[in-house]
Amino acid sequence: MSKKPDIRKNMEEVMNSLDRIRRASPQPFLYTRIMARLAESKSGSGLERFILIISKPSFTIAAITLFLLINLAVVFHFSSNSTTPSHDDSASVISDNEYRLSVSSLYDINPE
């Protein structure tokens, strides 16, 4: 039976605290600041919008992933081509005379 008076006392305290409540008021010029911020965001230049898009982590992760995939594709493409060299190309055949290490003079070519 001792709990009933405690509950009533707590209920009275809660009800009395509701009597002191007053309406919350915003800071001065809040509406003006909000409208100015909205106008500023709408009138941003194309460069500002571009920077905002690039600075997002999702775009950055996607760009880095795409860059790495392209690099891997290029590496695998050229590594597979370099393992099977073709010897059919006549331009790649070099005679031994083209890379002589000795210097020949005009007298060596024409002994007269």
N, C-alpha and C. Protein backbone atom coordinates (compact mmCIF):
# COMPACT_ATOMS: atom_id res chain seq x y z
N MET A 1 0.80 -1.19 0.00
CA MET A 1 0.00 0.00 0.00
C MET A 1 0.84 1.25 0.00
N SER A 2 2.09 1.12 0.33
CA SER A 2 2.94 2.31 0.40
C SER A 2 3.34 2.80 -0.99
N LYS A 3 3.18 1.97 -1.99
CA LYS A 3 3.56 2.36 -3.35
C LYS A 3 2.54 3.29 -3.98
N LYS A 4 1.29 3.21 -3.61
CA LYS A 4 0.27 4.06 -4.21
C LYS A 4 0.53 5.54 -3.94
N PRO A 5 0.87 5.95 -2.75
CA PRO A 5 1.15 7.37 -2.54
C PRO A 5 2.39 7.82 -3.32
N ASP A 6 3.38 6.94 -3.48
CA ASP A 6 4.57 7.30 -4.25
C ASP A 6 4.22 7.49 -5.72
N ILE A 7 3.37 6.65 -6.24
CA ILE A 7 2.95 6.77 -7.64
C ILE A 7 2.16 8.05 -7.83
N ARG A 8 1.27 8.37 -6.92
CA ARG A 8 0.49 9.60 -7.02
C ARG A 8 1.40 10.83 -6.92
N LYS A 9 2.39 10.74 -6.04
CA LYS A 9 3.31 11.87 -5.88
C LYS A 9 4.11 12.09 -7.16
N ASN A 10 4.59 10.99 -7.74
CA ASN A 10 5.34 11.09 -9.01
C ASN A 10 4.44 11.62 -10.13
N MET A 11 3.22 11.17 -10.18
CA MET A 11 2.29 11.63 -11.20
C MET A 11 2.01 13.13 -11.04
N GLU A 12 1.88 13.59 -9.83
CA GLU A 12 1.65 15.02 -9.58
C GLU A 12 2.86 15.85 -10.00
N GLU A 13 4.06 15.34 -9.73
CA GLU A 13 5.28 16.06 -10.14
C GLU A 13 5.35 16.18 -11.66
N VAL A 14 5.00 15.11 -12.35
CA VAL A 14 5.03 15.13 -13.82
C VAL A 14 4.00 16.11 -14.35
N MET A 15 2.82 16.09 -13.80
CA MET A 15 1.76 16.99 -14.25
C MET A 15 2.12 18.45 -13.97
N ASN A 16 2.76 18.71 -12.84
CA ASN A 16 3.17 20.08 -12.51
C ASN A 16 4.31 20.54 -13.41
N SER A 17 5.18 19.61 -13.81
CA SER A 17 6.28 20.01 -14.71
C SER A 17 5.74 20.38 -16.09
N LEU A 18 4.63 19.79 -16.50
CA LEU A 18 4.03 20.14 -17.78
C LEU A 18 3.45 21.54 -17.77
N ASP A 19 3.11 22.08 -16.60
CA ASP A 19 2.58 23.43 -16.51
C ASP A 19 3.63 24.49 -16.87
N ARG A 20 4.89 24.18 -16.64
CA ARG A 20 5.96 25.15 -16.89
C ARG A 20 6.50 25.10 -18.32
N ILE A 21 5.99 24.23 -19.13
CA ILE A 21 6.47 24.11 -20.51
C ILE A 21 5.97 25.30 -21.32
N ARG A 22 6.88 25.84 -22.16
CA ARG A 22 6.48 26.91 -23.08
C ARG A 22 6.99 26.55 -24.47
N ARG A 23 6.46 27.20 -25.41
CA ARG A 23 6.76 26.90 -26.81
C ARG A 23 8.20 27.31 -27.14
N ALA A 24 8.89 26.46 -27.90
CA ALA A 24 10.27 26.74 -28.31
C ALA A 24 10.26 27.80 -29.40
N SER A 25 11.19 28.72 -29.32
CA SER A 25 11.28 29.77 -30.35
C SER A 25 12.63 29.65 -31.05
N PRO A 26 12.64 29.85 -32.37
CA PRO A 26 13.89 29.73 -33.12
C PRO A 26 14.79 30.94 -32.88
N GLN A 27 16.04 30.79 -33.27
CA GLN A 27 16.97 31.91 -33.17
C GLN A 27 16.57 32.98 -34.17
N PRO A 28 16.96 34.22 -33.92
CA PRO A 28 16.59 35.29 -34.86
C PRO A 28 17.19 35.04 -36.24
N PHE A 29 16.46 35.38 -37.26
CA PHE A 29 16.85 35.28 -38.67
C PHE A 29 17.12 33.85 -39.13
N LEU A 30 16.52 32.87 -38.50
CA LEU A 30 16.71 31.48 -38.90
C LEU A 30 16.15 31.24 -40.30
N TYR A 31 14.96 31.72 -40.56
CA TYR A 31 14.33 31.54 -41.86
C TYR A 31 15.17 32.20 -42.96
N THR A 32 15.70 33.38 -42.69
CA THR A 32 16.52 34.08 -43.68
C THR A 32 17.79 33.30 -43.99
N ARG A 33 18.42 32.75 -42.99
CA ARG A 33 19.64 31.97 -43.21
C ARG A 33 19.37 30.70 -43.99
N ILE A 34 18.24 30.05 -43.69
CA ILE A 34 17.88 28.83 -44.43
C ILE A 34 17.62 29.15 -45.89
N MET A 35 16.88 30.21 -46.15
CA MET A 35 16.59 30.58 -47.54
C MET A 35 17.86 30.98 -48.29
N ALA A 36 18.78 31.68 -47.63
CA ALA A 36 20.03 32.06 -48.27
C ALA A 36 20.87 30.82 -48.62
N ARG A 37 20.90 29.85 -47.74
CA ARG A 37 21.66 28.62 -47.99
C ARG A 37 21.05 27.85 -49.15
N LEU A 38 19.72 27.78 -49.23
CA LEU A 38 19.07 27.10 -50.34
C LEU A 38 19.34 27.79 -51.66
N ALA A 39 19.29 29.11 -51.66
CA ALA A 39 19.56 29.86 -52.89
C ALA A 39 21.01 29.68 -53.33
N GLU A 40 21.91 29.60 -52.38
CA GLU A 40 23.33 29.41 -52.69
C GLU A 40 23.58 28.04 -53.32
N SER A 41 22.92 27.02 -52.81
CA SER A 41 23.13 25.67 -53.35
C SER A 41 22.51 25.52 -54.73
N LYS A 42 21.44 26.23 -55.01
CA LYS A 42 20.81 26.13 -56.33
C LYS A 42 21.59 26.89 -57.40
N SER A 43 22.27 27.97 -57.01
CA SER A 43 22.95 28.80 -57.98
C SER A 43 24.41 28.41 -58.15
N GLY A 44 24.83 27.24 -57.69
CA GLY A 44 26.22 26.80 -57.81
C GLY A 44 26.60 26.59 -59.27
N SER A 45 27.85 26.90 -59.59
CA SER A 45 28.31 26.76 -60.97
C SER A 45 28.52 25.29 -61.31
N GLY A 46 28.76 25.03 -62.56
CA GLY A 46 28.98 23.66 -63.02
C GLY A 46 30.22 23.05 -62.42
N LEU A 47 31.26 23.88 -62.24
CA LEU A 47 32.49 23.39 -61.64
C LEU A 47 32.27 22.96 -60.20
N GLU A 48 31.50 23.74 -59.46
CA GLU A 48 31.21 23.38 -58.07
C GLU A 48 30.43 22.07 -58.00
N ARG A 49 29.48 21.89 -58.88
CA ARG A 49 28.71 20.64 -58.90
C ARG A 49 29.60 19.46 -59.26
N PHE A 50 30.51 19.68 -60.22
CA PHE A 50 31.44 18.64 -60.64
C PHE A 50 32.34 18.23 -59.48
N ILE A 51 32.83 19.21 -58.75
CA ILE A 51 33.70 18.93 -57.59
C ILE A 51 32.92 18.19 -56.51
N LEU A 52 31.67 18.56 -56.31
CA LEU A 52 30.85 17.87 -55.33
C LEU A 52 30.64 16.40 -55.69
N ILE A 53 30.44 16.14 -56.97
CA ILE A 53 30.23 14.76 -57.43
C ILE A 53 31.52 13.95 -57.28
N ILE A 54 32.64 14.55 -57.67
CA ILE A 54 33.92 13.83 -57.60
C ILE A 54 34.33 13.56 -56.17
N SER A 55 34.00 14.45 -55.27
CA SER A 55 34.44 14.29 -53.88
C SER A 55 33.65 13.24 -53.11
N LYS A 56 32.62 12.70 -53.70
CA LYS A 56 31.85 11.65 -53.02
C LYS A 56 32.65 10.35 -53.02
N PRO A 57 32.66 9.65 -51.90
CA PRO A 57 33.44 8.41 -51.81
C PRO A 57 32.99 7.34 -52.81
N SER A 58 31.72 7.26 -53.10
CA SER A 58 31.24 6.23 -54.03
C SER A 58 31.81 6.46 -55.43
N PHE A 59 31.88 7.71 -55.86
CA PHE A 59 32.45 8.02 -57.17
C PHE A 59 33.94 7.72 -57.19
N THR A 60 34.64 8.08 -56.12
CA THR A 60 36.08 7.87 -56.05
C THR A 60 36.41 6.38 -56.09
N ILE A 61 35.67 5.59 -55.34
CA ILE A 61 35.91 4.14 -55.33
C ILE A 61 35.63 3.54 -56.70
N ALA A 62 34.57 3.98 -57.34
CA ALA A 62 34.23 3.47 -58.68
C ALA A 62 35.30 3.87 -59.70
N ALA A 63 35.80 5.09 -59.62
CA ALA A 63 36.82 5.55 -60.56
C ALA A 63 38.13 4.78 -60.38
N ILE A 64 38.54 4.56 -59.14
CA ILE A 64 39.77 3.81 -58.88
C ILE A 64 39.63 2.37 -59.34
N THR A 65 38.47 1.77 -59.11
CA THR A 65 38.24 0.39 -59.54
C THR A 65 38.28 0.29 -61.06
N LEU A 66 37.65 1.22 -61.74
CA LEU A 66 37.68 1.22 -63.20
C LEU A 66 39.10 1.39 -63.73
N PHE A 67 39.86 2.28 -63.12
CA PHE A 67 41.25 2.51 -63.52
C PHE A 67 42.08 1.24 -63.36
N LEU A 68 41.92 0.55 -62.24
CA LEU A 68 42.67 -0.69 -62.01
C LEU A 68 42.26 -1.79 -62.98
N LEU A 69 40.96 -1.89 -63.27
CA LEU A 69 40.50 -2.92 -64.21
C LEU A 69 41.04 -2.68 -65.61
N ILE A 70 41.07 -1.43 -66.03
CA ILE A 70 41.61 -1.11 -67.35
C ILE A 70 43.09 -1.44 -67.40
N ASN A 71 43.83 -1.09 -66.34
CA ASN A 71 45.25 -1.39 -66.31
C ASN A 71 45.50 -2.90 -66.34
N LEU A 72 44.73 -3.66 -65.58
CA LEU A 72 44.89 -5.11 -65.59
C LEU A 72 44.58 -5.69 -66.96
N ALA A 73 43.55 -5.18 -67.61
CA ALA A 73 43.20 -5.67 -68.94
C ALA A 73 44.33 -5.40 -69.94
N VAL A 74 44.92 -4.22 -69.86
CA VAL A 74 46.02 -3.88 -70.77
C VAL A 74 47.23 -4.76 -70.48
N VAL A 75 47.55 -4.97 -69.23
CA VAL A 75 48.70 -5.80 -68.88
C VAL A 75 48.50 -7.23 -69.36
N PHE A 76 47.33 -7.80 -69.13
CA PHE A 76 47.09 -9.17 -69.57
C PHE A 76 47.04 -9.27 -71.09
N HIS A 77 46.54 -8.26 -71.76
CA HIS A 77 46.48 -8.28 -73.22
C HIS A 77 47.88 -8.28 -73.81
N PHE A 78 48.74 -7.40 -73.33
CA PHE A 78 50.07 -7.31 -73.89
C PHE A 78 50.98 -8.43 -73.40
N SER A 79 50.75 -8.96 -72.23
CA SER A 79 51.58 -10.08 -71.77
C SER A 79 51.25 -11.35 -72.56
N SER A 80 50.02 -11.53 -72.97
CA SER A 80 49.68 -12.71 -73.76
C SER A 80 50.24 -12.58 -75.18
N ASN A 81 50.34 -11.39 -75.72
CA ASN A 81 50.91 -11.20 -77.05
C ASN A 81 52.42 -11.32 -77.03
N SER A 82 53.08 -10.95 -75.96
CA SER A 82 54.53 -10.99 -75.93
C SER A 82 55.07 -12.40 -75.70
N THR A 83 54.27 -13.33 -75.23
CA THR A 83 54.74 -14.69 -74.99
C THR A 83 54.80 -15.49 -76.28
N THR A 84 54.10 -15.09 -77.31
CA THR A 84 54.14 -15.80 -78.59
C THR A 84 54.65 -14.86 -79.67
N PRO A 85 55.96 -14.67 -79.74
CA PRO A 85 56.48 -13.77 -80.77
C PRO A 85 56.38 -14.42 -82.14
N SER A 86 56.13 -13.65 -83.14
CA SER A 86 56.01 -14.17 -84.49
C SER A 86 57.33 -13.94 -85.21
N HIS A 87 57.85 -14.99 -85.85
CA HIS A 87 59.11 -14.90 -86.60
C HIS A 87 58.84 -14.79 -88.08
N ASP A 88 57.61 -14.59 -88.47
CA ASP A 88 57.26 -14.51 -89.87
C ASP A 88 57.51 -13.13 -90.45
N ASP A 89 57.71 -12.15 -89.63
CA ASP A 89 57.86 -10.78 -90.09
C ASP A 89 59.24 -10.61 -90.71
N SER A 90 59.29 -10.27 -91.98
CA SER A 90 60.57 -10.13 -92.68
C SER A 90 61.31 -8.87 -92.26
N ALA A 91 60.61 -7.90 -91.72
CA ALA A 91 61.27 -6.67 -91.28
C ALA A 91 62.07 -6.90 -90.01
N SER A 92 61.73 -7.93 -89.25
CA SER A 92 62.45 -8.18 -88.01
C SER A 92 63.72 -8.98 -88.23
N VAL A 93 63.90 -9.53 -89.41
CA VAL A 93 65.11 -10.30 -89.70
C VAL A 93 66.22 -9.31 -90.00
N ILE A 94 67.28 -9.42 -89.21
CA ILE A 94 68.41 -8.48 -89.34
C ILE A 94 69.64 -9.30 -89.69
N SER A 95 70.32 -8.84 -90.69
CA SER A 95 71.53 -9.57 -91.07
C SER A 95 72.66 -9.21 -90.12
N ASP A 96 73.65 -10.06 -90.11
CA ASP A 96 74.79 -9.84 -89.22
C ASP A 96 75.61 -8.63 -89.65
N ASN A 97 75.56 -8.30 -90.90
CA ASN A 97 76.36 -7.18 -91.40
C ASN A 97 75.82 -5.82 -90.93
N GLU A 98 74.59 -5.77 -90.57
CA GLU A 98 74.01 -4.49 -90.16
C GLU A 98 74.51 -4.03 -88.80
N TYR A 99 74.97 -4.96 -87.98
CA TYR A 99 75.43 -4.61 -86.64
C TYR A 99 76.91 -4.93 -86.47
N ARG A 100 77.71 -4.49 -87.38
CA ARG A 100 79.15 -4.71 -87.27
C ARG A 100 79.72 -3.81 -86.19
N LEU A 101 80.62 -4.36 -85.45
CA LEU A 101 81.25 -3.57 -84.42
C LEU A 101 82.52 -2.89 -84.92
N SER A 102 83.07 -3.39 -85.97
CA SER A 102 84.28 -2.76 -86.50
C SER A 102 83.89 -1.59 -87.39
N VAL A 103 84.70 -0.57 -87.35
CA VAL A 103 84.44 0.62 -88.13
C VAL A 103 85.16 0.47 -89.46
N SER A 104 84.42 0.60 -90.50
CA SER A 104 85.05 0.50 -91.82
C SER A 104 85.19 1.89 -92.40
N SER A 105 86.27 2.09 -93.00
CA SER A 105 86.53 3.39 -93.61
C SER A 105 86.29 3.30 -95.11
N LEU A 106 86.41 4.41 -95.74
CA LEU A 106 86.21 4.47 -97.18
C LEU A 106 87.27 3.66 -97.91
N TYR A 107 88.47 3.57 -97.34
CA TYR A 107 89.55 2.80 -97.98
C TYR A 107 89.31 1.32 -97.87
N ASP A 108 88.60 0.86 -96.80
CA ASP A 108 88.32 -0.56 -96.67
C ASP A 108 87.25 -1.01 -97.66
N ILE A 109 86.34 -0.14 -97.97
CA ILE A 109 85.27 -0.51 -98.89
C ILE A 109 85.77 -0.49 -100.32
N ASN A 110 86.54 0.51 -100.69
CA ASN A 110 87.03 0.67 -102.05
C ASN A 110 88.58 0.73 -102.01
N PRO A 111 89.27 -0.40 -102.16
CA PRO A 111 90.72 -0.43 -101.98
C PRO A 111 91.52 0.22 -103.11
N GLU A 112 91.02 0.73 -104.11
CA GLU A 112 91.78 1.28 -105.23
C GLU A 112 92.50 2.49 -104.88
